[in-house]
Amino acid sequence: MTVTNLFIKRTHGRTMDAVSRLEFGPQGVAGGVRCSPLRQVLVTSRAVTAERGLQPGDLRETIEVDFDGLYDLPSGTVVKIGEALIRLTFHCEPCKKILHLTSFDHIVHKRGFLGCFLNSGTIALGDPVMLTGEQLESIPYAVKDRVRWFFAKQNAALAAIDLAHALGLPSSYARAIPRLVESFAIPRRSPK
C-alpha cells in the first residue's frame, strides 16, 4: 500500500495542484486552504476511483493511495501515510463539485475518507500506507447523528456556522442547522 498521487487545494473552487510531496500539521496541509478540523485531508483509493472511470484529482482528494479496503475501515481508525498519523473521521459526502463526473449512487461512500492530522511532517509520492492498530472514537456519517454526537461533547452554545465547521459540514448547512436542532427536541440545560 503506497501513496500514488498528492494534491494541494490552494483556493476554493479552483483546480488542485498536483505535487510530489506535501507538508502537514495539526492545522492541515501547509499552503492549502483552511478547513474544518474533521476535514483536513481527503484520502481516496486509487482502485475504487479507477473502477468508477475517474482520474487522479477528479474527486478533489489530497492523497490518493493504493489501498483497496480503505472505505471499509471504521471511523476513528488511525492510518500512517508517510510520516502522517491520520485519524479517519467519516466518508466524504458527494457534492456538486463532482456530480458532473459521476452519479450520486455510484460514488456515495466511495468518494473518499476525510481525516485529520495528529502530528506534523511530510508525505511524498511512493510513501507507505499502514494501519497503526490505533482506534479512536468513531464519528457518525449521518448529519443528524453527527450533530447529536457533537452536542453530547459540548457545554457552550455555538453559532450555526461554527457548528457546521466543527462537524466538518459545508458552510451551506448553516442555514438548515437551526431547524435540524429543533427536530431533535434536546432538553435545554438550566443555567447554573
Protein backbone atom coordinates (compact mmCIF):
# COMPACT_ATOMS: atom_id res chain seq x y z
CA MET A 1 0.00 0.00 0.00
CA THR A 2 1.55 3.28 -1.13
CA VAL A 3 0.80 6.91 -1.96
CA THR A 4 0.06 7.22 -5.69
CA ASN A 5 -0.89 10.92 -6.01
CA LEU A 6 -0.83 14.09 -3.88
CA PHE A 7 -2.75 17.34 -4.37
CA ILE A 8 -2.98 20.69 -2.58
CA LYS A 9 -6.12 22.83 -2.68
CA ARG A 10 -4.70 26.37 -2.60
CA THR A 11 -8.03 28.18 -3.20
CA HIS A 12 -11.67 27.11 -3.12
CA GLY A 13 -13.28 26.22 -6.43
CA ARG A 14 -10.03 26.10 -8.41
CA THR A 15 -8.04 23.23 -9.85
CA MET A 16 -5.92 21.49 -7.25
CA ASP A 17 -2.14 21.43 -7.65
CA ALA A 18 -0.52 18.03 -8.15
CA VAL A 19 2.64 17.82 -6.01
CA SER A 20 5.32 15.22 -5.31
CA ARG A 21 5.34 15.95 -1.57
CA LEU A 22 3.37 18.00 0.93
CA GLU A 23 3.90 19.25 4.45
CA PHE A 24 1.19 18.95 7.05
CA GLY A 25 0.44 19.57 10.72
CA PRO A 26 -2.46 19.55 13.16
CA GLN A 27 -3.78 22.68 11.41
CA GLY A 28 -3.94 20.97 8.00
CA VAL A 29 -1.93 20.95 4.77
CA ALA A 30 0.77 23.64 4.55
CA GLY A 31 -0.07 26.06 1.73
CA GLY A 32 -3.63 24.69 1.48
CA VAL A 33 -6.94 26.33 2.32
CA ARG A 34 -8.01 26.23 5.94
CA CYS A 35 -10.81 23.81 6.65
CA SER A 36 -12.68 22.12 9.46
CA PRO A 37 -10.51 20.05 11.79
CA LEU A 38 -12.54 16.98 10.79
CA ARG A 39 -11.93 17.64 7.05
CA GLN A 40 -8.21 18.47 6.84
CA VAL A 41 -7.42 15.72 4.36
CA LEU A 42 -9.37 13.64 1.84
CA VAL A 43 -7.86 10.21 1.18
CA THR A 44 -9.08 8.17 -1.80
CA SER A 45 -8.46 4.64 -3.02
CA ARG A 46 -6.87 4.52 -6.49
CA ALA A 47 -8.53 1.22 -7.41
CA VAL A 48 -12.02 2.41 -6.49
CA THR A 49 -11.55 5.75 -8.29
CA ALA A 50 -10.33 3.98 -11.44
CA GLU A 51 -13.18 1.45 -11.22
CA ARG A 52 -15.60 4.38 -11.44
CA GLY A 53 -13.81 5.74 -14.53
CA LEU A 54 -12.29 8.74 -12.74
CA GLN A 55 -8.79 10.21 -12.94
CA PRO A 56 -6.50 11.18 -10.05
CA GLY A 57 -7.65 14.54 -8.69
CA ASP A 58 -11.23 14.25 -10.03
CA LEU A 59 -12.57 13.71 -6.51
CA ARG A 60 -10.60 16.73 -5.21
CA GLU A 61 -8.62 14.45 -2.93
CA THR A 62 -5.47 15.41 -1.05
CA ILE A 63 -3.97 11.92 -1.01
CA GLU A 64 -4.65 9.02 -3.34
CA VAL A 65 -3.43 5.63 -2.12
CA ASP A 66 -3.14 2.12 -3.47
CA PHE A 67 -5.37 0.60 -0.76
CA ASP A 68 -8.48 -1.25 -1.92
CA GLY A 69 -10.05 -1.70 1.56
CA LEU A 70 -9.81 1.95 2.60
CA TYR A 71 -13.56 2.61 2.62
CA ASP A 72 -14.25 -0.49 4.73
CA LEU A 73 -12.27 0.89 7.68
CA PRO A 74 -14.33 2.22 10.60
CA SER A 75 -14.37 5.89 11.52
CA GLY A 76 -11.70 6.60 14.13
CA THR A 77 -9.10 4.30 12.55
CA VAL A 78 -5.61 5.84 12.63
CA VAL A 79 -3.56 5.24 9.48
CA LYS A 80 0.08 6.10 8.89
CA ILE A 81 0.76 7.63 5.47
CA GLY A 82 4.41 8.58 5.10
CA GLU A 83 5.15 10.47 8.33
CA ALA A 84 1.47 11.36 8.84
CA LEU A 85 -0.75 9.88 11.50
CA ILE A 86 -4.27 10.48 10.19
CA ARG A 87 -7.48 9.87 12.12
CA LEU A 88 -10.14 8.84 9.61
CA THR A 89 -13.28 10.79 10.51
CA PHE A 90 -16.08 9.94 8.02
CA HIS A 91 -16.74 9.34 4.33
CA CYS A 92 -16.83 12.49 2.22
CA GLU A 93 -20.30 13.40 1.02
CA PRO A 94 -20.71 13.54 -2.78
CA CYS A 95 -21.25 17.20 -3.69
CA LYS A 96 -21.99 19.28 -6.77
CA LYS A 97 -18.26 19.71 -7.44
CA ILE A 98 -18.03 16.06 -8.54
CA LEU A 99 -21.57 15.04 -9.52
CA HIS A 100 -20.96 16.19 -13.10
CA LEU A 101 -18.41 13.32 -13.30
CA THR A 102 -20.48 10.50 -11.80
CA SER A 103 -23.88 9.84 -10.23
CA PHE A 104 -24.55 10.15 -6.52
CA ASP A 105 -25.47 6.46 -6.17
CA HIS A 106 -22.29 5.44 -7.99
CA ILE A 107 -19.98 7.41 -5.65
CA VAL A 108 -21.70 7.58 -2.23
CA HIS A 109 -19.36 6.12 0.44
CA LYS A 110 -16.68 5.84 -2.27
CA ARG A 111 -15.71 9.50 -2.74
CA GLY A 112 -13.01 9.28 -0.10
CA PHE A 113 -12.36 9.21 3.62
CA LEU A 114 -11.96 12.55 5.37
CA GLY A 115 -9.49 12.78 8.19
CA CYS A 116 -7.42 14.97 10.48
CA PHE A 117 -3.68 15.07 11.07
CA LEU A 118 -2.49 14.02 14.52
CA ASN A 119 1.13 15.13 14.00
CA SER A 120 3.39 17.19 11.71
CA GLY A 121 5.73 16.14 8.90
CA THR A 122 5.77 15.38 5.18
CA ILE A 123 4.16 12.90 2.79
CA ALA A 124 5.74 12.05 -0.57
CA LEU A 125 4.73 10.01 -3.59
CA GLY A 126 5.55 6.34 -3.02
CA ASP A 127 5.41 6.61 0.79
CA PRO A 128 4.00 3.54 2.54
CA VAL A 129 0.43 3.39 3.90
CA MET A 130 -0.09 1.33 7.06
CA LEU A 131 -2.77 0.65 9.64
CA THR A 132 -1.47 1.58 13.10
CA GLY A 133 -3.86 -0.59 15.10
CA GLU A 134 -5.00 2.52 16.98
CA GLN A 135 -8.76 3.13 17.04
CA LEU A 136 -10.12 6.47 18.28
CA GLU A 137 -13.77 7.37 18.85
CA SER A 138 -15.87 7.00 15.72
CA ILE A 139 -17.69 10.00 14.29
CA PRO A 140 -21.13 9.41 12.74
CA TYR A 141 -21.59 9.87 8.99
CA ALA A 142 -25.25 10.94 9.04
CA VAL A 143 -25.55 14.67 9.69
CA LYS A 144 -28.30 14.28 12.31
CA ASP A 145 -26.22 11.72 14.21
CA ARG A 146 -23.09 13.87 13.88
CA VAL A 147 -24.95 16.85 15.37
CA ARG A 148 -26.11 14.70 18.30
CA TRP A 149 -22.53 13.43 18.75
CA PHE A 150 -21.23 16.99 18.73
CA PHE A 151 -23.81 18.30 21.23
CA ALA A 152 -23.04 15.42 23.58
CA LYS A 153 -19.45 16.73 23.76
CA GLN A 154 -20.18 20.47 24.14
CA ASN A 155 -21.23 22.73 27.02
CA ALA A 156 -21.38 26.08 25.24
CA ALA A 157 -23.91 27.24 22.67
CA LEU A 158 -22.37 27.70 19.24
CA ALA A 159 -23.37 29.71 16.23
CA ALA A 160 -24.70 27.57 13.38
CA ILE A 161 -21.71 28.33 11.15
CA ASP A 162 -19.33 27.32 13.94
CA LEU A 163 -21.28 24.10 14.40
CA ALA A 164 -21.15 23.34 10.67
CA HIS A 165 -17.39 23.98 10.66
CA ALA A 166 -16.77 21.88 13.78
CA LEU A 167 -18.74 18.96 12.33
CA GLY A 168 -16.93 19.06 9.00
CA LEU A 169 -20.03 20.13 7.08
CA PRO A 170 -20.03 22.54 4.17
CA SER A 171 -20.94 26.08 5.29
CA SER A 172 -24.14 25.81 3.24
CA TYR A 173 -25.52 23.57 6.03
CA ALA A 174 -25.55 26.54 8.44
CA ARG A 175 -28.98 27.68 7.24
CA ALA A 176 -30.53 24.26 7.94
CA ILE A 177 -28.94 23.64 11.35
CA PRO A 178 -31.50 25.57 13.47
CA ARG A 179 -34.40 23.53 12.01
CA LEU A 180 -32.38 20.35 12.37
CA VAL A 181 -31.59 21.07 16.01
CA GLU A 182 -35.24 21.88 16.76
CA SER A 183 -36.22 18.48 15.39
CA PHE A 184 -34.04 16.76 18.00
CA ALA A 185 -36.03 18.17 20.94
CA ILE A 186 -32.85 18.24 23.00
CA PRO A 187 -33.67 19.41 26.52
CA ARG A 188 -32.04 22.74 27.32
CA ARG A 189 -29.56 22.87 30.16
CA SER A 190 -30.56 25.04 33.03
CA PRO A 191 -28.07 27.79 33.90
CA LYS A 192 -26.01 27.12 36.99
